[in-house]
Amino acid sequence: MSRTEQVLRRAGWRPGRSVPTATWESILHDRGSFVAHDAARRFLSEFGGLVTYGWPADSITTSAAIRFDPLVAEWQHERLAEAGRDAGARLYPVGAPARSTS
């Protein structure tokens, strides 16, 4: 089993996991101009709500934990919009670094 799979399984992920995304989509749409696209919907339906610990920290990310909750990332609207312009793609928040307790 890969390290990625180990980290995800410890967080509660299993193959075939599926959670509804409609509440996140509704809240983010009401708060601003976020409109979910199919890739974001697929990602959140599989990983949404998980908090993962055990990722290696790097020079950019000081946290080794990620919370896959678009509501904790939505305040970064301008940052996402700028990154999307740079990438030439419409981005949607899917999560943010979380405080590690391990």
PDB file of N, CA and C in Angstrom:
ATOM      1  N   MET A   1       0.855  -1.170   0.000  1.00  0.00           N
ATOM      2  CA  MET A   1       0.000   0.000   0.000  1.00  0.00           C
ATOM      3  C   MET A   1       0.908   1.243   0.000  1.00  0.00           C
ATOM      4  N   SER A   2       0.609   2.220  -0.844  1.00  0.00           N
ATOM      5  CA  SER A   2       1.413   3.431  -0.936  1.00  0.00           C
ATOM      6  C   SER A   2       1.199   4.322   0.289  1.00  0.00           C
ATOM      7  N   ARG A   3       2.129   5.220   0.511  1.00  0.00           N
ATOM      8  CA  ARG A   3       2.000   6.152   1.646  1.00  0.00           C
ATOM      9  C   ARG A   3       0.738   7.010   1.491  1.00  0.00           C
ATOM     10  N   THR A   4       0.467   7.420   0.277  1.00  0.00           N
ATOM     11  CA  THR A   4      -0.743   8.220   0.028  1.00  0.00           C
ATOM     12  C   THR A   4      -1.983   7.450   0.454  1.00  0.00           C
ATOM     13  N   GLU A   5      -2.080   6.204   0.048  1.00  0.00           N
ATOM     14  CA  GLU A   5      -3.240   5.401   0.421  1.00  0.00           C
ATOM     15  C   GLU A   5      -3.307   5.194   1.926  1.00  0.00           C
ATOM     16  N   GLN A   6      -2.182   4.998   2.579  1.00  0.00           N
ATOM     17  CA  GLN A   6      -2.157   4.841   4.039  1.00  0.00           C
ATOM     18  C   GLN A   6      -2.704   6.092   4.725  1.00  0.00           C
ATOM     19  N   VAL A   7      -2.227   7.255   4.294  1.00  0.00           N
ATOM     20  CA  VAL A   7      -2.686   8.520   4.889  1.00  0.00           C
ATOM     21  C   VAL A   7      -4.187   8.687   4.678  1.00  0.00           C
ATOM     22  N   LEU A   8      -4.650   8.431   3.471  1.00  0.00           N
ATOM     23  CA  LEU A   8      -6.079   8.585   3.175  1.00  0.00           C
ATOM     24  C   LEU A   8      -6.941   7.593   3.954  1.00  0.00           C
ATOM     25  N   ARG A   9      -6.512   6.351   4.062  1.00  0.00           N
ATOM     26  CA  ARG A   9      -7.282   5.353   4.803  1.00  0.00           C
ATOM     27  C   ARG A   9      -7.364   5.708   6.287  1.00  0.00           C
ATOM     28  N   ARG A  10      -6.260   6.204   6.859  1.00  0.00           N
ATOM     29  CA  ARG A  10      -6.302   6.623   8.274  1.00  0.00           C
ATOM     30  C   ARG A  10      -7.307   7.762   8.481  1.00  0.00           C
ATOM     31  N   ALA A  11      -7.519   8.566   7.456  1.00  0.00           N
ATOM     32  CA  ALA A  11      -8.472   9.678   7.538  1.00  0.00           C
ATOM     33  C   ALA A  11      -9.918   9.226   7.348  1.00  0.00           C
ATOM     34  N   GLY A  12     -10.119   7.978   6.914  1.00  0.00           N
ATOM     35  CA  GLY A  12     -11.479   7.478   6.725  1.00  0.00           C
ATOM     36  C   GLY A  12     -11.857   7.205   5.286  1.00  0.00           C
ATOM     37  N   TRP A  13     -10.945   7.438   4.354  1.00  0.00           N
ATOM     38  CA  TRP A  13     -11.230   7.171   2.947  1.00  0.00           C
ATOM     39  C   TRP A  13     -11.218   5.678   2.664  1.00  0.00           C
ATOM     40  N   ARG A  14     -12.101   5.246   1.795  1.00  0.00           N
ATOM     41  CA  ARG A  14     -12.150   3.880   1.288  1.00  0.00           C
ATOM     42  C   ARG A  14     -12.496   3.949  -0.196  1.00  0.00           C
ATOM     43  N   PRO A  15     -12.037   2.990  -1.010  1.00  0.00           N
ATOM     44  CA  PRO A  15     -12.447   2.980  -2.417  1.00  0.00           C
ATOM     45  C   PRO A  15     -13.969   2.996  -2.513  1.00  0.00           C
ATOM     46  N   GLY A  16     -14.485   3.827  -3.396  1.00  0.00           N
ATOM     47  CA  GLY A  16     -15.927   3.936  -3.578  1.00  0.00           C
ATOM     48  C   GLY A  16     -16.600   4.915  -2.634  1.00  0.00           C
ATOM     49  N   ARG A  17     -15.833   5.571  -1.743  1.00  0.00           N
ATOM     50  CA  ARG A  17     -16.417   6.540  -0.809  1.00  0.00           C
ATOM     51  C   ARG A  17     -17.122   7.639  -1.590  1.00  0.00           C
ATOM     52  N   SER A  18     -18.262   8.054  -1.112  1.00  0.00           N
ATOM     53  CA  SER A  18     -19.013   9.115  -1.774  1.00  0.00           C
ATOM     54  C   SER A  18     -19.799   9.905  -0.743  1.00  0.00           C
ATOM     55  N   VAL A  19     -19.608  11.209  -0.749  1.00  0.00           N
ATOM     56  CA  VAL A  19     -20.367  12.098   0.136  1.00  0.00           C
ATOM     57  C   VAL A  19     -21.047  13.156  -0.727  1.00  0.00           C
ATOM     58  N   PRO A  20     -22.184  13.680  -0.284  1.00  0.00           N
ATOM     59  CA  PRO A  20     -22.870  14.709  -1.067  1.00  0.00           C
ATOM     60  C   PRO A  20     -22.093  16.031  -1.040  1.00  0.00           C
ATOM     61  N   THR A  21     -22.151  16.765  -2.127  1.00  0.00           N
ATOM     62  CA  THR A  21     -21.452  18.051  -2.222  1.00  0.00           C
ATOM     63  C   THR A  21     -22.409  19.242  -2.311  1.00  0.00           C
ATOM     64  N   ALA A  22     -23.689  18.984  -2.387  1.00  0.00           N
ATOM     65  CA  ALA A  22     -24.673  20.052  -2.631  1.00  0.00           C
ATOM     66  C   ALA A  22     -24.640  21.149  -1.569  1.00  0.00           C
ATOM     67  N   THR A  23     -24.460  20.811  -0.310  1.00  0.00           N
ATOM     68  CA  THR A  23     -24.443  21.841   0.742  1.00  0.00           C
ATOM     69  C   THR A  23     -23.246  22.765   0.565  1.00  0.00           C
ATOM     70  N   TRP A  24     -22.062  22.186   0.354  1.00  0.00           N
ATOM     71  CA  TRP A  24     -20.877  23.025   0.110  1.00  0.00           C
ATOM     72  C   TRP A  24     -21.099  23.930  -1.093  1.00  0.00           C
ATOM     73  N   GLU A  25     -21.606  23.348  -2.173  1.00  0.00           N
ATOM     74  CA  GLU A  25     -21.824  24.128  -3.395  1.00  0.00           C
ATOM     75  C   GLU A  25     -22.791  25.276  -3.158  1.00  0.00           C
ATOM     76  N   SER A  26     -23.865  25.025  -2.451  1.00  0.00           N
ATOM     77  CA  SER A  26     -24.861  26.046  -2.183  1.00  0.00           C
ATOM     78  C   SER A  26     -24.285  27.182  -1.335  1.00  0.00           C
ATOM     79  N   ILE A  27     -23.574  26.832  -0.276  1.00  0.00           N
ATOM     80  CA  ILE A  27     -22.993  27.848   0.605  1.00  0.00           C
ATOM     81  C   ILE A  27     -21.986  28.700  -0.156  1.00  0.00           C
ATOM     82  N   LEU A  28     -21.090  28.063  -0.902  1.00  0.00           N
ATOM     83  CA  LEU A  28     -20.069  28.814  -1.632  1.00  0.00           C
ATOM     84  C   LEU A  28     -20.669  29.675  -2.731  1.00  0.00           C
ATOM     85  N   HIS A  29     -21.710  29.185  -3.372  1.00  0.00           N
ATOM     86  CA  HIS A  29     -22.376  29.983  -4.400  1.00  0.00           C
ATOM     87  C   HIS A  29     -23.043  31.200  -3.769  1.00  0.00           C
ATOM     88  N   ASP A  30     -23.679  31.021  -2.608  1.00  0.00           N
ATOM     89  CA  ASP A  30     -24.341  32.128  -1.920  1.00  0.00           C
ATOM     90  C   ASP A  30     -23.346  33.165  -1.405  1.00  0.00           C
ATOM     91  N   ARG A  31     -22.160  32.743  -1.038  1.00  0.00           N
ATOM     92  CA  ARG A  31     -21.143  33.649  -0.472  1.00  0.00           C
ATOM     93  C   ARG A  31     -20.335  34.393  -1.531  1.00  0.00           C
ATOM     94  N   GLY A  32     -20.378  33.942  -2.738  1.00  0.00           N
ATOM     95  CA  GLY A  32     -19.542  34.583  -3.752  1.00  0.00           C
ATOM     96  C   GLY A  32     -19.763  33.990  -5.110  1.00  0.00           C
ATOM     97  N   SER A  33     -18.732  34.042  -5.911  1.00  0.00           N
ATOM     98  CA  SER A  33     -18.887  33.622  -7.300  1.00  0.00           C
ATOM     99  C   SER A  33     -18.355  32.219  -7.567  1.00  0.00           C
ATOM    100  N   PHE A  34     -18.223  31.400  -6.546  1.00  0.00           N
ATOM    101  CA  PHE A  34     -17.735  30.040  -6.761  1.00  0.00           C
ATOM    102  C   PHE A  34     -18.821  29.176  -7.378  1.00  0.00           C
ATOM    103  N   VAL A  35     -18.502  28.574  -8.495  1.00  0.00           N
ATOM    104  CA  VAL A  35     -19.401  27.637  -9.153  1.00  0.00           C
ATOM    105  C   VAL A  35     -18.618  26.348  -9.347  1.00  0.00           C
ATOM    106  N   ALA A  36     -19.104  25.272  -8.746  1.00  0.00           N
ATOM    107  CA  ALA A  36     -18.399  23.989  -8.826  1.00  0.00           C
ATOM    108  C   ALA A  36     -18.384  23.468 -10.251  1.00  0.00           C
ATOM    109  N   HIS A  37     -17.265  22.908 -10.643  1.00  0.00           N
ATOM    110  CA  HIS A  37     -17.171  22.224 -11.930  1.00  0.00           C
ATOM    111  C   HIS A  37     -17.070  20.727 -11.646  1.00  0.00           C
ATOM    112  N   ASP A  38     -17.187  19.925 -12.679  1.00  0.00           N
ATOM    113  CA  ASP A  38     -17.256  18.469 -12.498  1.00  0.00           C
ATOM    114  C   ASP A  38     -16.038  17.899 -11.777  1.00  0.00           C
ATOM    115  N   ALA A  39     -14.849  18.406 -12.080  1.00  0.00           N
ATOM    116  CA  ALA A  39     -13.641  17.871 -11.425  1.00  0.00           C
ATOM    117  C   ALA A  39     -13.679  18.145  -9.921  1.00  0.00           C
ATOM    118  N   ALA A  40     -14.075  19.349  -9.521  1.00  0.00           N
ATOM    119  CA  ALA A  40     -14.178  19.670  -8.090  1.00  0.00           C
ATOM    120  C   ALA A  40     -15.238  18.805  -7.427  1.00  0.00           C
ATOM    121  N   ARG A  41     -16.365  18.648  -8.083  1.00  0.00           N
ATOM    122  CA  ARG A  41     -17.454  17.819  -7.547  1.00  0.00           C
ATOM    123  C   ARG A  41     -17.001  16.376  -7.338  1.00  0.00           C
ATOM    124  N   ARG A  42     -16.294  15.814  -8.326  1.00  0.00           N
ATOM    125  CA  ARG A  42     -15.806  14.438  -8.210  1.00  0.00           C
ATOM    126  C   ARG A  42     -14.802  14.311  -7.071  1.00  0.00           C
ATOM    127  N   PHE A  43     -13.876  15.264  -6.981  1.00  0.00           N
ATOM    128  CA  PHE A  43     -12.865  15.233  -5.931  1.00  0.00           C
ATOM    129  C   PHE A  43     -13.519  15.316  -4.552  1.00  0.00           C
ATOM    130  N   LEU A  44     -14.396  16.298  -4.368  1.00  0.00           N
ATOM    131  CA  LEU A  44     -15.038  16.468  -3.061  1.00  0.00           C
ATOM    132  C   LEU A  44     -15.962  15.315  -2.711  1.00  0.00           C
ATOM    133  N   SER A  45     -16.604  14.710  -3.697  1.00  0.00           N
ATOM    134  CA  SER A  45     -17.485  13.588  -3.370  1.00  0.00           C
ATOM    135  C   SER A  45     -16.682  12.400  -2.843  1.00  0.00           C
ATOM    136  N   GLU A  46     -15.424  12.299  -3.237  1.00  0.00           N
ATOM    137  CA  GLU A  46     -14.591  11.186  -2.761  1.00  0.00           C
ATOM    138  C   GLU A  46     -13.792  11.545  -1.501  1.00  0.00           C
ATOM    139  N   PHE A  47     -13.281  12.770  -1.424  1.00  0.00           N
ATOM    140  CA  PHE A  47     -12.373  13.131  -0.330  1.00  0.00           C
ATOM    141  C   PHE A  47     -12.923  14.197   0.616  1.00  0.00           C
ATOM    142  N   GLY A  48     -14.031  14.830   0.270  1.00  0.00           N
ATOM    143  CA  GLY A  48     -14.593  15.901   1.082  1.00  0.00           C
ATOM    144  C   GLY A  48     -14.873  15.479   2.513  1.00  0.00           C
ATOM    145  N   GLY A  49     -14.535  16.361   3.445  1.00  0.00           N
ATOM    146  CA  GLY A  49     -14.780  16.110   4.861  1.00  0.00           C
ATOM    147  C   GLY A  49     -13.646  15.396   5.573  1.00  0.00           C
ATOM    148  N   LEU A  50     -12.668  14.897   4.839  1.00  0.00           N
ATOM    149  CA  LEU A  50     -11.550  14.197   5.473  1.00  0.00           C
ATOM    150  C   LEU A  50     -10.514  15.193   5.988  1.00  0.00           C
ATOM    151  N   VAL A  51      -9.846  14.822   7.052  1.00  0.00           N
ATOM    152  CA  VAL A  51      -8.681  15.559   7.539  1.00  0.00           C
ATOM    153  C   VAL A  51      -7.548  14.546   7.557  1.00  0.00           C
ATOM    154  N   THR A  52      -6.533  14.813   6.757  1.00  0.00           N
ATOM    155  CA  THR A  52      -5.440  13.867   6.610  1.00  0.00           C
ATOM    156  C   THR A  52      -4.199  14.350   7.344  1.00  0.00           C
ATOM    157  N   TYR A  53      -3.560  13.459   8.045  1.00  0.00           N
ATOM    158  CA  TYR A  53      -2.301  13.732   8.740  1.00  0.00           C
ATOM    159  C   TYR A  53      -1.257  12.761   8.210  1.00  0.00           C
ATOM    160  N   GLY A  54      -0.022  13.182   8.177  1.00  0.00           N
ATOM    161  CA  GLY A  54       1.042  12.288   7.758  1.00  0.00           C
ATOM    162  C   GLY A  54       1.694  12.649   6.445  1.00  0.00           C
ATOM    163  N   TRP A  55       1.239  13.749   5.801  1.00  0.00           N
ATOM    164  CA  TRP A  55       1.905  14.211   4.586  1.00  0.00           C
ATOM    165  C   TRP A  55       3.220  14.871   4.997  1.00  0.00           C
ATOM    166  N   PRO A  56       4.250  14.741   4.187  1.00  0.00           N
ATOM    167  CA  PRO A  56       5.498  15.434   4.520  1.00  0.00           C
ATOM    168  C   PRO A  56       5.352  16.938   4.301  1.00  0.00           C
ATOM    169  N   ALA A  57       5.806  17.732   5.254  1.00  0.00           N
ATOM    170  CA  ALA A  57       5.822  19.189   5.096  1.00  0.00           C
ATOM    171  C   ALA A  57       6.949  19.540   4.131  1.00  0.00           C
ATOM    172  N   ASP A  58       6.800  20.673   3.440  1.00  0.00           N
ATOM    173  CA  ASP A  58       7.852  21.109   2.524  1.00  0.00           C
ATOM    174  C   ASP A  58       8.130  22.593   2.726  1.00  0.00           C
ATOM    175  N   SER A  59       8.892  23.198   1.834  1.00  0.00           N
ATOM    176  CA  SER A  59       9.262  24.598   1.998  1.00  0.00           C
ATOM    177  C   SER A  59       8.092  25.551   1.811  1.00  0.00           C
ATOM    178  N   ILE A  60       7.016  25.094   1.180  1.00  0.00           N
ATOM    179  CA  ILE A  60       5.835  25.931   0.971  1.00  0.00           C
ATOM    180  C   ILE A  60       4.778  25.636   2.023  1.00  0.00           C
ATOM    181  N   THR A  61       4.542  24.384   2.295  1.00  0.00           N
ATOM    182  CA  THR A  61       3.514  23.962   3.232  1.00  0.00           C
ATOM    183  C   THR A  61       4.149  23.616   4.569  1.00  0.00           C
ATOM    184  N   THR A  62       3.807  24.396   5.582  1.00  0.00           N
ATOM    185  CA  THR A  62       4.384  24.136   6.900  1.00  0.00           C
ATOM    186  C   THR A  62       3.576  23.125   7.685  1.00  0.00           C
ATOM    187  N   SER A  63       2.404  22.812   7.191  1.00  0.00           N
ATOM    188  CA  SER A  63       1.563  21.828   7.849  1.00  0.00           C
ATOM    189  C   SER A  63       1.626  20.514   7.101  1.00  0.00           C
ATOM    190  N   ALA A  64       1.619  19.431   7.829  1.00  0.00           N
ATOM    191  CA  ALA A  64       1.595  18.112   7.207  1.00  0.00           C
ATOM    192  C   ALA A  64       0.184  17.541   7.226  1.00  0.00           C
ATOM    193  N   ALA A  65      -0.804  18.386   7.484  1.00  0.00           N
ATOM    194  CA  ALA A  65      -2.203  17.949   7.535  1.00  0.00           C
ATOM    195  C   ALA A  65      -3.019  18.781   6.552  1.00  0.00           C
ATOM    196  N   ILE A  66      -4.011  18.140   5.938  1.00  0.00           N
ATOM    197  CA  ILE A  66      -4.893  18.831   5.000  1.00  0.00           C
ATOM    198  C   ILE A  66      -6.338  18.534   5.373  1.00  0.00           C
ATOM    199  N   ARG A  67      -7.151  19.589   5.420  1.00  0.00           N
ATOM    200  CA  ARG A  67      -8.594  19.459   5.669  1.00  0.00           C
ATOM    201  C   ARG A  67      -9.297  19.667   4.332  1.00  0.00           C
ATOM    202  N   PHE A  68      -9.907  18.594   3.820  1.00  0.00           N
ATOM    203  CA  PHE A  68     -10.619  18.676   2.550  1.00  0.00           C
ATOM    204  C   PHE A  68     -12.037  19.174   2.794  1.00  0.00           C
ATOM    205  N   ASP A  69     -12.125  20.472   3.011  1.00  0.00           N
ATOM    206  CA  ASP A  69     -13.390  21.156   3.276  1.00  0.00           C
ATOM    207  C   ASP A  69     -13.323  22.487   2.530  1.00  0.00           C
ATOM    208  N   PRO A  70     -14.114  22.658   1.467  1.00  0.00           N
ATOM    209  CA  PRO A  70     -14.014  23.897   0.690  1.00  0.00           C
ATOM    210  C   PRO A  70     -14.388  25.140   1.484  1.00  0.00           C
ATOM    211  N   LEU A  71     -15.144  25.001   2.566  1.00  0.00           N
ATOM    212  CA  LEU A  71     -15.531  26.174   3.345  1.00  0.00           C
ATOM    213  C   LEU A  71     -14.352  26.785   4.090  1.00  0.00           C
ATOM    214  N   VAL A  72     -13.336  25.994   4.427  1.00  0.00           N
ATOM    215  CA  VAL A  72     -12.163  26.554   5.111  1.00  0.00           C
ATOM    216  C   VAL A  72     -11.218  27.222   4.120  1.00  0.00           C
ATOM    217  N   ALA A  73     -11.400  26.985   2.834  1.00  0.00           N
ATOM    218  CA  ALA A  73     -10.534  27.584   1.822  1.00  0.00           C
ATOM    219  C   ALA A  73     -11.203  28.745   1.101  1.00  0.00           C
ATOM    220  N   GLU A  74     -12.493  28.901   1.207  1.00  0.00           N
ATOM    221  CA  GLU A  74     -13.200  29.878   0.402  1.00  0.00           C
ATOM    222  C   GLU A  74     -12.804  31.317   0.677  1.00  0.00           C
ATOM    223  N   TRP A  75     -12.254  31.615   1.833  1.00  0.00           N
ATOM    224  CA  TRP A  75     -11.830  32.980   2.116  1.00  0.00           C
ATOM    225  C   TRP A  75     -10.662  33.398   1.230  1.00  0.00           C
ATOM    226  N   GLN A  76     -10.056  32.459   0.550  1.00  0.00           N
ATOM    227  CA  GLN A  76      -8.934  32.755  -0.327  1.00  0.00           C
ATOM    228  C   GLN A  76      -9.408  33.032  -1.756  1.00  0.00           C
ATOM    229  N   HIS A  77     -10.569  33.645  -1.887  1.00  0.00           N
ATOM    230  CA  HIS A  77     -11.189  33.875  -3.187  1.00  0.00           C
ATOM    231  C   HIS A  77     -10.242  34.575  -4.167  1.00  0.00           C
ATOM    232  N   GLU A  78      -9.633  35.664  -3.748  1.00  0.00           N
ATOM    233  CA  GLU A  78      -8.735  36.400  -4.643  1.00  0.00           C
ATOM    234  C   GLU A  78      -7.526  35.571  -5.040  1.00  0.00           C
ATOM    235  N   ARG A  79      -6.994  34.840  -4.088  1.00  0.00           N
ATOM    236  CA  ARG A  79      -5.836  33.978  -4.364  1.00  0.00           C
ATOM    237  C   ARG A  79      -6.203  32.902  -5.388  1.00  0.00           C
ATOM    238  N   LEU A  80      -7.374  32.291  -5.226  1.00  0.00           N
ATOM    239  CA  LEU A  80      -7.829  31.277  -6.182  1.00  0.00           C
ATOM    240  C   LEU A  80      -8.079  31.886  -7.554  1.00  0.00           C
ATOM    241  N   ALA A  81      -8.667  33.085  -7.584  1.00  0.00           N
ATOM    242  CA  ALA A  81      -8.947  33.745  -8.859  1.00  0.00           C
ATOM    243  C   ALA A  81      -7.643  34.061  -9.592  1.00  0.00           C
ATOM    244  N   GLU A  82      -6.649  34.565  -8.871  1.00  0.00           N
ATOM    245  CA  GLU A  82      -5.358  34.879  -9.489  1.00  0.00           C
ATOM    246  C   GLU A  82      -4.661  33.612  -9.988  1.00  0.00           C
ATOM    247  N   ALA A  83      -4.658  32.570  -9.160  1.00  0.00           N
ATOM    248  CA  ALA A  83      -4.030  31.311  -9.559  1.00  0.00           C
ATOM    249  C   ALA A  83      -4.746  30.722 -10.776  1.00  0.00           C
ATOM    250  N   GLY A  84      -6.056  30.849 -10.824  1.00  0.00           N
ATOM    251  CA  GLY A  84      -6.822  30.365 -11.963  1.00  0.00           C
ATOM    252  C   GLY A  84      -6.482  31.118 -13.239  1.00  0.00           C
ATOM    253  N   ARG A  85      -6.331  32.444 -13.125  1.00  0.00           N
ATOM    254  CA  ARG A  85      -5.931  33.226 -14.296  1.00  0.00           C
ATOM    255  C   ARG A  85      -4.552  32.784 -14.782  1.00  0.00           C
ATOM    256  N   ASP A  86      -3.626  32.602 -13.833  1.00  0.00           N
ATOM    257  CA  ASP A  86      -2.271  32.166 -14.191  1.00  0.00           C
ATOM    258  C   ASP A  86      -2.280  30.791 -14.859  1.00  0.00           C
ATOM    259  N   ALA A  87      -3.141  29.906 -14.377  1.00  0.00           N
ATOM    260  CA  ALA A  87      -3.207  28.538 -14.905  1.00  0.00           C
ATOM    261  C   ALA A  87      -4.093  28.433 -16.144  1.00  0.00           C
ATOM    262  N   GLY A  88      -4.892  29.459 -16.392  1.00  0.00           N
ATOM    263  CA  GLY A  88      -5.825  29.408 -17.509  1.00  0.00           C
ATOM    264  C   GLY A  88      -6.980  28.458 -17.258  1.00  0.00           C
ATOM    265  N   ALA A  89      -7.351  28.295 -15.964  1.00  0.00           N
ATOM    266  CA  ALA A  89      -8.430  27.378 -15.594  1.00  0.00           C
ATOM    267  C   ALA A  89      -9.246  27.975 -14.453  1.00  0.00           C
ATOM    268  N   ARG A  90     -10.494  27.584 -14.379  1.00  0.00           N
ATOM    269  CA  ARG A  90     -11.365  28.024 -13.287  1.00  0.00           C
ATOM    270  C   ARG A  90     -11.140  27.104 -12.096  1.00  0.00           C
ATOM    271  N   LEU A  91     -10.686  27.678 -10.976  1.00  0.00           N
ATOM    272  CA  LEU A  91     -10.402  26.879  -9.784  1.00  0.00           C
ATOM    273  C   LEU A  91     -11.549  26.944  -8.790  1.00  0.00           C
ATOM    274  N   TYR A  92     -11.662  25.931  -7.974  1.00  0.00           N
ATOM    275  CA  TYR A  92     -12.704  25.830  -6.953  1.00  0.00           C
ATOM    276  C   TYR A  92     -12.035  25.374  -5.664  1.00  0.00           C
ATOM    277  N   PRO A  93     -12.364  25.972  -4.530  1.00  0.00           N
ATOM    278  CA  PRO A  93     -11.702  25.564  -3.283  1.00  0.00           C
ATOM    279  C   PRO A  93     -12.087  24.144  -2.891  1.00  0.00           C
ATOM    280  N   VAL A  94     -11.107  23.367  -2.479  1.00  0.00           N
ATOM    281  CA  VAL A  94     -11.393  22.007  -2.017  1.00  0.00           C
ATOM    282  C   VAL A  94     -10.846  21.736  -0.622  1.00  0.00           C
ATOM    283  N   GLY A  95     -10.019  22.633  -0.095  1.00  0.00           N
ATOM    284  CA  GLY A  95      -9.475  22.405   1.236  1.00  0.00           C
ATOM    285  C   GLY A  95      -8.327  23.334   1.543  1.00  0.00           C
ATOM    286  N   ALA A  96      -7.745  23.131   2.700  1.00  0.00           N
ATOM    287  CA  ALA A  96      -6.656  23.982   3.168  1.00  0.00           C
ATOM    288  C   ALA A  96      -5.822  23.222   4.176  1.00  0.00           C
ATOM    289  N   PRO A  97      -4.608  23.709   4.428  1.00  0.00           N
ATOM    290  CA  PRO A  97      -3.802  23.082   5.490  1.00  0.00           C
ATOM    291  C   PRO A  97      -4.569  23.113   6.817  1.00  0.00           C
ATOM    292  N   ALA A  98      -4.401  22.074   7.598  1.00  0.00           N
ATOM    293  CA  ALA A  98      -5.039  21.970   8.907  1.00  0.00           C
ATOM    294  C   ALA A  98      -3.968  21.918   9.971  1.00  0.00           C
ATOM    295  N   ARG A  99      -4.320  22.288  11.165  1.00  0.00           N
ATOM    296  CA  ARG A  99      -3.381  22.168  12.250  1.00  0.00           C
ATOM    297  C   ARG A  99      -3.184  20.713  12.600  1.00  0.00           C
ATOM    298  N   SER A 100      -1.948  20.323  12.710  1.00  0.00           N
ATOM    299  CA  SER A 100      -1.632  18.929  13.007  1.00  0.00           C
ATOM    300  C   SER A 100      -1.617  18.723  14.516  1.00  0.00           C
ATOM    301  N   THR A 101      -2.276  17.647  14.940  1.00  0.00           N
ATOM    302  CA  THR A 101      -2.282  17.309  16.365  1.00  0.00           C
ATOM    303  C   THR A 101      -1.458  16.069  16.640  1.00  0.00           C
ATOM    304  N   SER A 102      -0.854  15.525  15.580  1.00  0.00           N
ATOM    305  CA  SER A 102      -0.055  14.313  15.766  1.00  0.00           C
ATOM    306  C   SER A 102       1.404  14.604  15.610  1.00  0.00           C
TER     307      SER A 102
END
